[in-house]
């Protein structure tokens, strides 16, 4: 899988995350068979085309932290019923996407 295929795969995964659920950068990388590439997932997310923006807020870091400086992310997640712990992190035990999406073959 080359870099472009990986990026397209990232976008395919995030489109599958259901409303009210979140997934981590590492989970996306593992779903694509590249568990060591969570930073590349973050880079792909930061460059996501506008048509993917309705899905991007559902991707968070492994501790449940939100994207620094993206104040709207919390509001978008709260509108979907996502709850937060006292420390401001998403409650991953409640909202982590556990389903493995069936991804198109690359």
PDB file of N, CA and C in Angstrom:
ATOM      1  N   UNK A   1       0.862  -1.175   0.000  1.00  0.00           N
ATOM      2  CA  UNK A   1       0.000   0.000   0.000  1.00  0.00           C
ATOM      3  C   UNK A   1       0.905   1.235   0.000  1.00  0.00           C
ATOM      4  N   UNK A   2       0.748   2.080  -1.003  1.00  0.00           N
ATOM      5  CA  UNK A   2       1.545   3.298  -1.035  1.00  0.00           C
ATOM      6  C   UNK A   2       0.853   4.397  -0.211  1.00  0.00           C
ATOM      7  N   UNK A   3       1.510   5.553  -0.104  1.00  0.00           N
ATOM      8  CA  UNK A   3       1.004   6.636   0.743  1.00  0.00           C
ATOM      9  C   UNK A   3      -0.389   7.107   0.306  1.00  0.00           C
ATOM     10  N   UNK A   4      -0.603   7.284  -0.986  1.00  0.00           N
ATOM     11  CA  UNK A   4      -1.913   7.734  -1.472  1.00  0.00           C
ATOM     12  C   UNK A   4      -3.011   6.727  -1.166  1.00  0.00           C
ATOM     13  N   UNK A   5      -2.706   5.445  -1.335  1.00  0.00           N
ATOM     14  CA  UNK A   5      -3.681   4.403  -1.009  1.00  0.00           C
ATOM     15  C   UNK A   5      -4.009   4.421   0.486  1.00  0.00           C
ATOM     16  N   UNK A   6      -2.989   4.644   1.300  1.00  0.00           N
ATOM     17  CA  UNK A   6      -3.193   4.721   2.740  1.00  0.00           C
ATOM     18  C   UNK A   6      -4.120   5.882   3.087  1.00  0.00           C
ATOM     19  N   UNK A   7      -3.859   7.044   2.513  1.00  0.00           N
ATOM     20  CA  UNK A   7      -4.684   8.229   2.784  1.00  0.00           C
ATOM     21  C   UNK A   7      -6.128   7.998   2.357  1.00  0.00           C
ATOM     22  N   UNK A   8      -6.322   7.409   1.188  1.00  0.00           N
ATOM     23  CA  UNK A   8      -7.678   7.090   0.728  1.00  0.00           C
ATOM     24  C   UNK A   8      -8.331   6.109   1.692  1.00  0.00           C
ATOM     25  N   UNK A   9      -7.562   5.142   2.185  1.00  0.00           N
ATOM     26  CA  UNK A   9      -8.074   4.189   3.167  1.00  0.00           C
ATOM     27  C   UNK A   9      -8.500   4.875   4.457  1.00  0.00           C
ATOM     28  N   UNK A  10      -7.715   5.840   4.908  1.00  0.00           N
ATOM     29  CA  UNK A  10      -8.072   6.608   6.111  1.00  0.00           C
ATOM     30  C   UNK A  10      -9.436   7.255   5.906  1.00  0.00           C
ATOM     31  N   UNK A  11      -9.629   7.897   4.770  1.00  0.00           N
ATOM     32  CA  UNK A  11     -10.889   8.585   4.497  1.00  0.00           C
ATOM     33  C   UNK A  11     -12.045   7.592   4.383  1.00  0.00           C
ATOM     34  N   UNK A  12     -11.781   6.418   3.831  1.00  0.00           N
ATOM     35  CA  UNK A  12     -12.831   5.388   3.755  1.00  0.00           C
ATOM     36  C   UNK A  12     -13.252   4.944   5.157  1.00  0.00           C
ATOM     37  N   UNK A  13     -12.275   4.789   6.048  1.00  0.00           N
ATOM     38  CA  UNK A  13     -12.583   4.369   7.422  1.00  0.00           C
ATOM     39  C   UNK A  13     -13.398   5.433   8.140  1.00  0.00           C
ATOM     40  N   UNK A  14     -12.972   6.689   8.071  1.00  0.00           N
ATOM     41  CA  UNK A  14     -13.671   7.703   8.870  1.00  0.00           C
ATOM     42  C   UNK A  14     -15.110   7.909   8.412  1.00  0.00           C
ATOM     43  N   UNK A  15     -15.380   7.636   7.142  1.00  0.00           N
ATOM     44  CA  UNK A  15     -16.763   7.758   6.657  1.00  0.00           C
ATOM     45  C   UNK A  15     -17.667   6.700   7.263  1.00  0.00           C
ATOM     46  N   UNK A  16     -17.079   5.627   7.797  1.00  0.00           N
ATOM     47  CA  UNK A  16     -17.857   4.520   8.372  1.00  0.00           C
ATOM     48  C   UNK A  16     -18.136   4.681   9.866  1.00  0.00           C
ATOM     49  N   UNK A  17     -17.473   5.626  10.523  1.00  0.00           N
ATOM     50  CA  UNK A  17     -17.655   5.794  11.971  1.00  0.00           C
ATOM     51  C   UNK A  17     -19.079   6.284  12.216  1.00  0.00           C
ATOM     52  N   UNK A  18     -19.857   5.526  12.974  1.00  0.00           N
ATOM     53  CA  UNK A  18     -21.248   5.940  13.200  1.00  0.00           C
ATOM     54  C   UNK A  18     -21.356   7.151  14.119  1.00  0.00           C
ATOM     55  N   UNK A  19     -22.424   7.875  13.946  1.00  0.00           N
ATOM     56  CA  UNK A  19     -22.752   8.996  14.814  1.00  0.00           C
ATOM     57  C   UNK A  19     -22.755   8.517  16.257  1.00  0.00           C
ATOM     58  N   UNK A  20     -22.168   9.317  17.149  1.00  0.00           N
ATOM     59  CA  UNK A  20     -22.147   8.947  18.560  1.00  0.00           C
ATOM     60  C   UNK A  20     -20.997   8.026  18.940  1.00  0.00           C
ATOM     61  N   UNK A  21     -20.083   7.804  18.007  1.00  0.00           N
ATOM     62  CA  UNK A  21     -18.913   6.965  18.270  1.00  0.00           C
ATOM     63  C   UNK A  21     -17.652   7.717  17.881  1.00  0.00           C
ATOM     64  N   UNK A  22     -16.549   7.282  18.460  1.00  0.00           N
ATOM     65  CA  UNK A  22     -15.245   7.841  18.111  1.00  0.00           C
ATOM     66  C   UNK A  22     -14.285   6.696  17.830  1.00  0.00           C
ATOM     67  N   UNK A  23     -13.198   7.025  17.174  1.00  0.00           N
ATOM     68  CA  UNK A  23     -12.137   6.065  16.899  1.00  0.00           C
ATOM     69  C   UNK A  23     -10.815   6.802  17.061  1.00  0.00           C
ATOM     70  N   UNK A  24      -9.769   6.079  17.431  1.00  0.00           N
ATOM     71  CA  UNK A  24      -8.466   6.714  17.610  1.00  0.00           C
ATOM     72  C   UNK A  24      -7.655   6.631  16.323  1.00  0.00           C
ATOM     73  N   UNK A  25      -6.635   7.489  16.243  1.00  0.00           N
ATOM     74  CA  UNK A  25      -5.735   7.460  15.096  1.00  0.00           C
ATOM     75  C   UNK A  25      -5.115   6.067  14.951  1.00  0.00           C
ATOM     76  N   UNK A  26      -4.720   5.488  16.073  1.00  0.00           N
ATOM     77  CA  UNK A  26      -4.112   4.160  16.055  1.00  0.00           C
ATOM     78  C   UNK A  26      -5.066   3.085  15.572  1.00  0.00           C
ATOM     79  N   UNK A  27      -6.331   3.181  15.945  1.00  0.00           N
ATOM     80  CA  UNK A  27      -7.304   2.202  15.483  1.00  0.00           C
ATOM     81  C   UNK A  27      -7.466   2.273  13.968  1.00  0.00           C
ATOM     82  N   UNK A  28      -7.507   3.491  13.435  1.00  0.00           N
ATOM     83  CA  UNK A  28      -7.622   3.644  11.979  1.00  0.00           C
ATOM     84  C   UNK A  28      -6.410   2.995  11.314  1.00  0.00           C
ATOM     85  N   UNK A  29      -5.217   3.263  11.833  1.00  0.00           N
ATOM     86  CA  UNK A  29      -4.004   2.681  11.266  1.00  0.00           C
ATOM     87  C   UNK A  29      -4.056   1.150  11.317  1.00  0.00           C
ATOM     88  N   UNK A  30      -4.511   0.586  12.443  1.00  0.00           N
ATOM     89  CA  UNK A  30      -4.611  -0.874  12.567  1.00  0.00           C
ATOM     90  C   UNK A  30      -5.637  -1.447  11.597  1.00  0.00           C
ATOM     91  N   UNK A  31      -6.759  -0.768  11.423  1.00  0.00           N
ATOM     92  CA  UNK A  31      -7.770  -1.237  10.478  1.00  0.00           C
ATOM     93  C   UNK A  31      -7.218  -1.311   9.051  1.00  0.00           C
ATOM     94  N   UNK A  32      -6.255  -0.454   8.772  1.00  0.00           N
ATOM     95  CA  UNK A  32      -5.645  -0.430   7.444  1.00  0.00           C
ATOM     96  C   UNK A  32      -4.423  -1.340   7.345  1.00  0.00           C
ATOM     97  N   UNK A  33      -4.162  -2.086   8.417  1.00  0.00           N
ATOM     98  CA  UNK A  33      -3.031  -3.012   8.397  1.00  0.00           C
ATOM     99  C   UNK A  33      -1.683  -2.342   8.564  1.00  0.00           C
ATOM    100  N   UNK A  34      -1.670  -1.115   9.065  1.00  0.00           N
ATOM    101  CA  UNK A  34      -0.437  -0.356   9.264  1.00  0.00           C
ATOM    102  C   UNK A  34      -0.416   0.221  10.678  1.00  0.00           C
ATOM    103  N   UNK A  35      -0.335  -0.642  11.699  1.00  0.00           N
ATOM    104  CA  UNK A  35      -0.452  -0.166  13.082  1.00  0.00           C
ATOM    105  C   UNK A  35       0.600   0.859  13.490  1.00  0.00           C
ATOM    106  N   UNK A  36       1.709   0.908  12.799  1.00  0.00           N
ATOM    107  CA  UNK A  36       2.779   1.850  13.130  1.00  0.00           C
ATOM    108  C   UNK A  36       2.561   3.222  12.497  1.00  0.00           C
ATOM    109  N   UNK A  37       1.442   3.431  11.800  1.00  0.00           N
ATOM    110  CA  UNK A  37       1.242   4.662  11.022  1.00  0.00           C
ATOM    111  C   UNK A  37       0.175   5.602  11.585  1.00  0.00           C
ATOM    112  N   UNK A  38       0.004   5.638  12.907  1.00  0.00           N
ATOM    113  CA  UNK A  38      -1.031   6.507  13.471  1.00  0.00           C
ATOM    114  C   UNK A  38      -0.746   7.985  13.202  1.00  0.00           C
ATOM    115  N   UNK A  39       0.515   8.369  13.155  1.00  0.00           N
ATOM    116  CA  UNK A  39       0.839   9.772  12.840  1.00  0.00           C
ATOM    117  C   UNK A  39       0.448  10.124  11.413  1.00  0.00           C
ATOM    118  N   UNK A  40       0.584   9.166  10.519  1.00  0.00           N
ATOM    119  CA  UNK A  40       0.157   9.406   9.131  1.00  0.00           C
ATOM    120  C   UNK A  40      -1.354   9.594   9.061  1.00  0.00           C
ATOM    121  N   UNK A  41      -2.079   8.894   9.941  1.00  0.00           N
ATOM    122  CA  UNK A  41      -3.530   9.091  10.006  1.00  0.00           C
ATOM    123  C   UNK A  41      -3.807  10.534  10.408  1.00  0.00           C
ATOM    124  N   UNK A  42      -3.104  11.022  11.421  1.00  0.00           N
ATOM    125  CA  UNK A  42      -3.269  12.403  11.859  1.00  0.00           C
ATOM    126  C   UNK A  42      -2.965  13.397  10.751  1.00  0.00           C
ATOM    127  N   UNK A  43      -1.912  13.123   9.999  1.00  0.00           N
ATOM    128  CA  UNK A  43      -1.569  14.009   8.883  1.00  0.00           C
ATOM    129  C   UNK A  43      -2.664  13.997   7.821  1.00  0.00           C
ATOM    130  N   UNK A  44      -3.191  12.819   7.524  1.00  0.00           N
ATOM    131  CA  UNK A  44      -4.274  12.715   6.539  1.00  0.00           C
ATOM    132  C   UNK A  44      -5.513  13.472   7.026  1.00  0.00           C
ATOM    133  N   UNK A  45      -5.788  13.367   8.317  1.00  0.00           N
ATOM    134  CA  UNK A  45      -6.955  14.049   8.879  1.00  0.00           C
ATOM    135  C   UNK A  45      -6.793  15.562   8.784  1.00  0.00           C
ATOM    136  N   UNK A  46      -5.587  16.055   9.009  1.00  0.00           N
ATOM    137  CA  UNK A  46      -5.370  17.500   8.969  1.00  0.00           C
ATOM    138  C   UNK A  46      -5.502  18.064   7.559  1.00  0.00           C
ATOM    139  N   UNK A  47      -5.428  17.191   6.576  1.00  0.00           N
ATOM    140  CA  UNK A  47      -5.546  17.612   5.176  1.00  0.00           C
ATOM    141  C   UNK A  47      -6.829  17.105   4.519  1.00  0.00           C
ATOM    142  N   UNK A  48      -7.768  16.655   5.318  1.00  0.00           N
ATOM    143  CA  UNK A  48      -9.000  16.066   4.778  1.00  0.00           C
ATOM    144  C   UNK A  48      -9.764  17.079   3.923  1.00  0.00           C
ATOM    145  N   UNK A  49     -10.272  16.622   2.781  1.00  0.00           N
ATOM    146  CA  UNK A  49     -11.082  17.519   1.939  1.00  0.00           C
ATOM    147  C   UNK A  49     -12.383  17.906   2.639  1.00  0.00           C
ATOM    148  N   UNK A  50     -12.953  19.025   2.219  1.00  0.00           N
ATOM    149  CA  UNK A  50     -14.160  19.564   2.869  1.00  0.00           C
ATOM    150  C   UNK A  50     -15.290  18.559   2.989  1.00  0.00           C
ATOM    151  N   UNK A  51     -15.476  17.712   1.985  1.00  0.00           N
ATOM    152  CA  UNK A  51     -16.595  16.766   2.031  1.00  0.00           C
ATOM    153  C   UNK A  51     -16.450  15.739   3.154  1.00  0.00           C
ATOM    154  N   UNK A  52     -15.268  15.628   3.740  1.00  0.00           N
ATOM    155  CA  UNK A  52     -15.057  14.701   4.851  1.00  0.00           C
ATOM    156  C   UNK A  52     -15.161  15.378   6.211  1.00  0.00           C
ATOM    157  N   UNK A  53     -15.257  16.681   6.241  1.00  0.00           N
ATOM    158  CA  UNK A  53     -15.314  17.405   7.512  1.00  0.00           C
ATOM    159  C   UNK A  53     -16.446  16.938   8.426  1.00  0.00           C
ATOM    160  N   UNK A  54     -17.601  16.503   7.905  1.00  0.00           N
ATOM    161  CA  UNK A  54     -18.644  16.016   8.821  1.00  0.00           C
ATOM    162  C   UNK A  54     -18.261  14.763   9.602  1.00  0.00           C
ATOM    163  N   UNK A  55     -17.138  14.134   9.278  1.00  0.00           N
ATOM    164  CA  UNK A  55     -16.719  12.904   9.948  1.00  0.00           C
ATOM    165  C   UNK A  55     -15.454  13.071  10.797  1.00  0.00           C
ATOM    166  N   UNK A  56     -14.666  14.077  10.493  1.00  0.00           N
ATOM    167  CA  UNK A  56     -13.329  14.223  11.093  1.00  0.00           C
ATOM    168  C   UNK A  56     -13.347  14.389  12.605  1.00  0.00           C
ATOM    169  N   UNK A  57     -14.378  15.000  13.152  1.00  0.00           N
ATOM    170  CA  UNK A  57     -14.408  15.244  14.598  1.00  0.00           C
ATOM    171  C   UNK A  57     -14.489  13.957  15.401  1.00  0.00           C
ATOM    172  N   UNK A  58     -14.783  12.847  14.760  1.00  0.00           N
ATOM    173  CA  UNK A  58     -14.927  11.563  15.451  1.00  0.00           C
ATOM    174  C   UNK A  58     -13.604  10.834  15.640  1.00  0.00           C
ATOM    175  N   UNK A  59     -12.510  11.420  15.191  1.00  0.00           N
ATOM    176  CA  UNK A  59     -11.189  10.805  15.340  1.00  0.00           C
ATOM    177  C   UNK A  59     -10.422  11.567  16.418  1.00  0.00           C
ATOM    178  N   UNK A  60      -9.952  10.821  17.418  1.00  0.00           N
ATOM    179  CA  UNK A  60      -9.290  11.412  18.583  1.00  0.00           C
ATOM    180  C   UNK A  60      -8.013  10.634  18.899  1.00  0.00           C
ATOM    181  N   UNK A  61      -7.273  11.099  19.883  1.00  0.00           N
ATOM    182  CA  UNK A  61      -6.052  10.359  20.208  1.00  0.00           C
ATOM    183  C   UNK A  61      -6.363   9.192  21.157  1.00  0.00           C
ATOM    184  N   UNK A  62      -5.361   8.378  21.416  1.00  0.00           N
ATOM    185  CA  UNK A  62      -5.555   7.128  22.159  1.00  0.00           C
ATOM    186  C   UNK A  62      -5.991   7.318  23.608  1.00  0.00           C
ATOM    187  N   UNK A  63      -5.826   8.508  24.135  1.00  0.00           N
ATOM    188  CA  UNK A  63      -6.253   8.783  25.514  1.00  0.00           C
ATOM    189  C   UNK A  63      -7.596   9.492  25.561  1.00  0.00           C
ATOM    190  N   UNK A  64      -8.174   9.734  24.394  1.00  0.00           N
ATOM    191  CA  UNK A  64      -9.470  10.407  24.343  1.00  0.00           C
ATOM    192  C   UNK A  64      -9.368  11.915  24.229  1.00  0.00           C
ATOM    193  N   UNK A  65      -8.161  12.410  24.006  1.00  0.00           N
ATOM    194  CA  UNK A  65      -7.975  13.859  23.874  1.00  0.00           C
ATOM    195  C   UNK A  65      -8.405  14.333  22.503  1.00  0.00           C
ATOM    196  N   UNK A  66      -8.849  15.571  22.478  1.00  0.00           N
ATOM    197  CA  UNK A  66      -9.301  16.184  21.237  1.00  0.00           C
ATOM    198  C   UNK A  66      -8.146  16.884  20.537  1.00  0.00           C
ATOM    199  N   UNK A  67      -8.399  17.329  19.314  1.00  0.00           N
ATOM    200  CA  UNK A  67      -7.385  18.039  18.536  1.00  0.00           C
ATOM    201  C   UNK A  67      -7.125  19.397  19.190  1.00  0.00           C
ATOM    202  N   UNK A  68      -5.872  19.694  19.551  1.00  0.00           N
ATOM    203  CA  UNK A  68      -5.570  20.994  20.158  1.00  0.00           C
ATOM    204  C   UNK A  68      -5.940  22.146  19.216  1.00  0.00           C
ATOM    205  N   UNK A  69      -6.608  23.137  19.769  1.00  0.00           N
ATOM    206  CA  UNK A  69      -6.950  24.316  18.987  1.00  0.00           C
ATOM    207  C   UNK A  69      -8.224  24.201  18.162  1.00  0.00           C
ATOM    208  N   UNK A  70      -8.844  23.030  18.151  1.00  0.00           N
ATOM    209  CA  UNK A  70     -10.093  22.855  17.388  1.00  0.00           C
ATOM    210  C   UNK A  70     -11.245  22.849  18.388  1.00  0.00           C
ATOM    211  N   UNK A  71     -11.657  24.030  18.788  1.00  0.00           N
ATOM    212  CA  UNK A  71     -12.666  24.189  19.841  1.00  0.00           C
ATOM    213  C   UNK A  71     -14.016  23.576  19.457  1.00  0.00           C
ATOM    214  N   UNK A  72     -14.354  23.613  18.191  1.00  0.00           N
ATOM    215  CA  UNK A  72     -15.654  23.114  17.734  1.00  0.00           C
ATOM    216  C   UNK A  72     -15.787  21.593  17.864  1.00  0.00           C
ATOM    217  N   UNK A  73     -14.667  20.871  17.915  1.00  0.00           N
ATOM    218  CA  UNK A  73     -14.717  19.415  17.970  1.00  0.00           C
ATOM    219  C   UNK A  73     -15.547  18.927  19.151  1.00  0.00           C
ATOM    220  N   UNK A  74     -15.346  19.490  20.306  1.00  0.00           N
ATOM    221  CA  UNK A  74     -16.102  19.056  21.490  1.00  0.00           C
ATOM    222  C   UNK A  74     -17.598  19.302  21.294  1.00  0.00           C
ATOM    223  N   UNK A  75     -17.947  20.472  20.769  1.00  0.00           N
ATOM    224  CA  UNK A  75     -19.365  20.770  20.538  1.00  0.00           C
ATOM    225  C   UNK A  75     -19.996  19.771  19.577  1.00  0.00           C
ATOM    226  N   UNK A  76     -19.292  19.451  18.507  1.00  0.00           N
ATOM    227  CA  UNK A  76     -19.808  18.492  17.525  1.00  0.00           C
ATOM    228  C   UNK A  76     -20.014  17.122  18.154  1.00  0.00           C
ATOM    229  N   UNK A  77     -19.061  16.689  18.974  1.00  0.00           N
ATOM    230  CA  UNK A  77     -19.191  15.391  19.636  1.00  0.00           C
ATOM    231  C   UNK A  77     -20.328  15.395  20.652  1.00  0.00           C
ATOM    232  N   UNK A  78     -20.448  16.464  21.423  1.00  0.00           N
ATOM    233  CA  UNK A  78     -21.532  16.547  22.399  1.00  0.00           C
ATOM    234  C   UNK A  78     -22.897  16.501  21.722  1.00  0.00           C
ATOM    235  N   UNK A  79     -23.026  17.124  20.562  1.00  0.00           N
ATOM    236  CA  UNK A  79     -24.296  17.088  19.820  1.00  0.00           C
ATOM    237  C   UNK A  79     -24.666  15.669  19.410  1.00  0.00           C
ATOM    238  N   UNK A  80     -23.662  14.784  19.308  1.00  0.00           N
ATOM    239  CA  UNK A  80     -23.904  13.385  18.955  1.00  0.00           C
ATOM    240  C   UNK A  80     -24.064  12.494  20.188  1.00  0.00           C
ATOM    241  N   UNK A  81     -24.025  13.103  21.366  1.00  0.00           N
ATOM    242  CA  UNK A  81     -24.217  12.338  22.592  1.00  0.00           C
ATOM    243  C   UNK A  81     -22.942  11.823  23.230  1.00  0.00           C
ATOM    244  N   UNK A  82     -21.803  12.235  22.718  1.00  0.00           N
ATOM    245  CA  UNK A  82     -20.526  11.814  23.300  1.00  0.00           C
ATOM    246  C   UNK A  82     -20.364  12.503  24.653  1.00  0.00           C
ATOM    247  N   UNK A  83     -19.940  11.722  25.643  1.00  0.00           N
ATOM    248  CA  UNK A  83     -19.710  12.279  26.976  1.00  0.00           C
ATOM    249  C   UNK A  83     -18.214  12.338  27.261  1.00  0.00           C
ATOM    250  N   UNK A  84     -17.871  13.220  28.197  1.00  0.00           N
ATOM    251  CA  UNK A  84     -16.480  13.467  28.533  1.00  0.00           C
ATOM    252  C   UNK A  84     -16.240  13.193  30.012  1.00  0.00           C
ATOM    253  N   UNK A  85     -15.037  12.754  30.307  1.00  0.00           N
ATOM    254  CA  UNK A  85     -14.641  12.557  31.700  1.00  0.00           C
ATOM    255  C   UNK A  85     -14.272  13.918  32.300  1.00  0.00           C
ATOM    256  N   UNK A  86     -14.062  13.948  33.602  1.00  0.00           N
ATOM    257  CA  UNK A  86     -13.729  15.201  34.290  1.00  0.00           C
ATOM    258  C   UNK A  86     -12.470  15.860  33.741  1.00  0.00           C
ATOM    259  N   UNK A  87     -11.554  15.058  33.218  1.00  0.00           N
ATOM    260  CA  UNK A  87     -10.298  15.601  32.691  1.00  0.00           C
ATOM    261  C   UNK A  87     -10.445  16.169  31.277  1.00  0.00           C
ATOM    262  N   UNK A  88     -11.655  16.131  30.719  1.00  0.00           N
ATOM    263  CA  UNK A  88     -11.905  16.694  29.393  1.00  0.00           C
ATOM    264  C   UNK A  88     -11.731  15.715  28.247  1.00  0.00           C
ATOM    265  N   UNK A  89     -11.353  14.478  28.545  1.00  0.00           N
ATOM    266  CA  UNK A  89     -11.173  13.468  27.507  1.00  0.00           C
ATOM    267  C   UNK A  89     -12.491  12.739  27.238  1.00  0.00           C
ATOM    268  N   UNK A  90     -12.633  12.270  26.008  1.00  0.00           N
ATOM    269  CA  UNK A  90     -13.797  11.462  25.652  1.00  0.00           C
ATOM    270  C   UNK A  90     -13.783  10.194  26.495  1.00  0.00           C
ATOM    271  N   UNK A  91     -14.955   9.769  26.931  1.00  0.00           N
ATOM    272  CA  UNK A  91     -15.071   8.516  27.661  1.00  0.00           C
ATOM    273  C   UNK A  91     -15.025   7.375  26.644  1.00  0.00           C
ATOM    274  N   UNK A  92     -13.832   6.854  26.402  1.00  0.00           N
ATOM    275  CA  UNK A  92     -13.633   5.823  25.384  1.00  0.00           C
ATOM    276  C   UNK A  92     -14.347   4.519  25.722  1.00  0.00           C
ATOM    277  N   UNK A  93     -14.523   4.234  27.010  1.00  0.00           N
ATOM    278  CA  UNK A  93     -15.224   3.006  27.380  1.00  0.00           C
ATOM    279  C   UNK A  93     -16.669   3.025  26.887  1.00  0.00           C
ATOM    280  N   UNK A  94     -17.250   4.202  26.801  1.00  0.00           N
ATOM    281  CA  UNK A  94     -18.636   4.329  26.355  1.00  0.00           C
ATOM    282  C   UNK A  94     -18.780   4.529  24.853  1.00  0.00           C
ATOM    283  N   UNK A  95     -17.813   5.210  24.231  1.00  0.00           N
ATOM    284  CA  UNK A  95     -18.031   5.699  22.879  1.00  0.00           C
ATOM    285  C   UNK A  95     -17.057   5.196  21.824  1.00  0.00           C
ATOM    286  N   UNK A  96     -16.113   4.329  22.208  1.00  0.00           N
ATOM    287  CA  UNK A  96     -15.139   3.835  21.239  1.00  0.00           C
ATOM    288  C   UNK A  96     -15.834   2.921  20.231  1.00  0.00           C
ATOM    289  N   UNK A  97     -15.597   3.179  18.976  1.00  0.00           N
ATOM    290  CA  UNK A  97     -16.198   2.384  17.898  1.00  0.00           C
ATOM    291  C   UNK A  97     -15.584   0.995  17.914  1.00  0.00           C
ATOM    292  N   UNK A  98     -16.399   0.012  18.188  1.00  0.00           N
ATOM    293  CA  UNK A  98     -15.901  -1.355  18.332  1.00  0.00           C
ATOM    294  C   UNK A  98     -16.104  -2.197  17.082  1.00  0.00           C
ATOM    295  N   UNK A  99     -16.902  -1.714  16.176  1.00  0.00           N
ATOM    296  CA  UNK A  99     -17.148  -2.484  14.962  1.00  0.00           C
ATOM    297  C   UNK A  99     -15.979  -2.314  14.006  1.00  0.00           C
ATOM    298  N   UNK A 100     -15.632  -3.367  13.353  1.00  0.00           N
ATOM    299  CA  UNK A 100     -14.585  -3.291  12.325  1.00  0.00           C
ATOM    300  C   UNK A 100     -15.289  -3.149  10.994  1.00  0.00           C
ATOM    301  N   UNK A 101     -15.072  -2.014  10.355  1.00  0.00           N
ATOM    302  CA  UNK A 101     -15.701  -1.764   9.061  1.00  0.00           C
ATOM    303  C   UNK A 101     -15.118  -2.695   8.004  1.00  0.00           C
ATOM    304  N   UNK A 102     -15.951  -3.086   7.099  1.00  0.00           N
ATOM    305  CA  UNK A 102     -15.476  -3.862   5.948  1.00  0.00           C
ATOM    306  C   UNK A 102     -14.976  -2.838   4.937  1.00  0.00           C
ATOM    307  N   UNK A 103     -13.680  -2.853   4.739  1.00  0.00           N
ATOM    308  CA  UNK A 103     -13.046  -1.855   3.891  1.00  0.00           C
ATOM    309  C   UNK A 103     -12.872  -2.372   2.483  1.00  0.00           C
ATOM    310  N   UNK A 104     -12.909  -1.471   1.501  1.00  0.00           N
ATOM    311  CA  UNK A 104     -12.648  -1.902   0.136  1.00  0.00           C
ATOM    312  C   UNK A 104     -11.220  -2.404   0.009  1.00  0.00           C
ATOM    313  N   UNK A 105     -11.004  -3.390  -0.825  1.00  0.00           N
ATOM    314  CA  UNK A 105      -9.670  -3.925  -1.052  1.00  0.00           C
ATOM    315  C   UNK A 105      -8.842  -2.922  -1.838  1.00  0.00           C
ATOM    316  N   UNK A 106      -7.610  -2.736  -1.401  1.00  0.00           N
ATOM    317  CA  UNK A 106      -6.702  -1.794  -2.073  1.00  0.00           C
ATOM    318  C   UNK A 106      -5.873  -2.546  -3.086  1.00  0.00           C
TER     319      UNK A 106
END
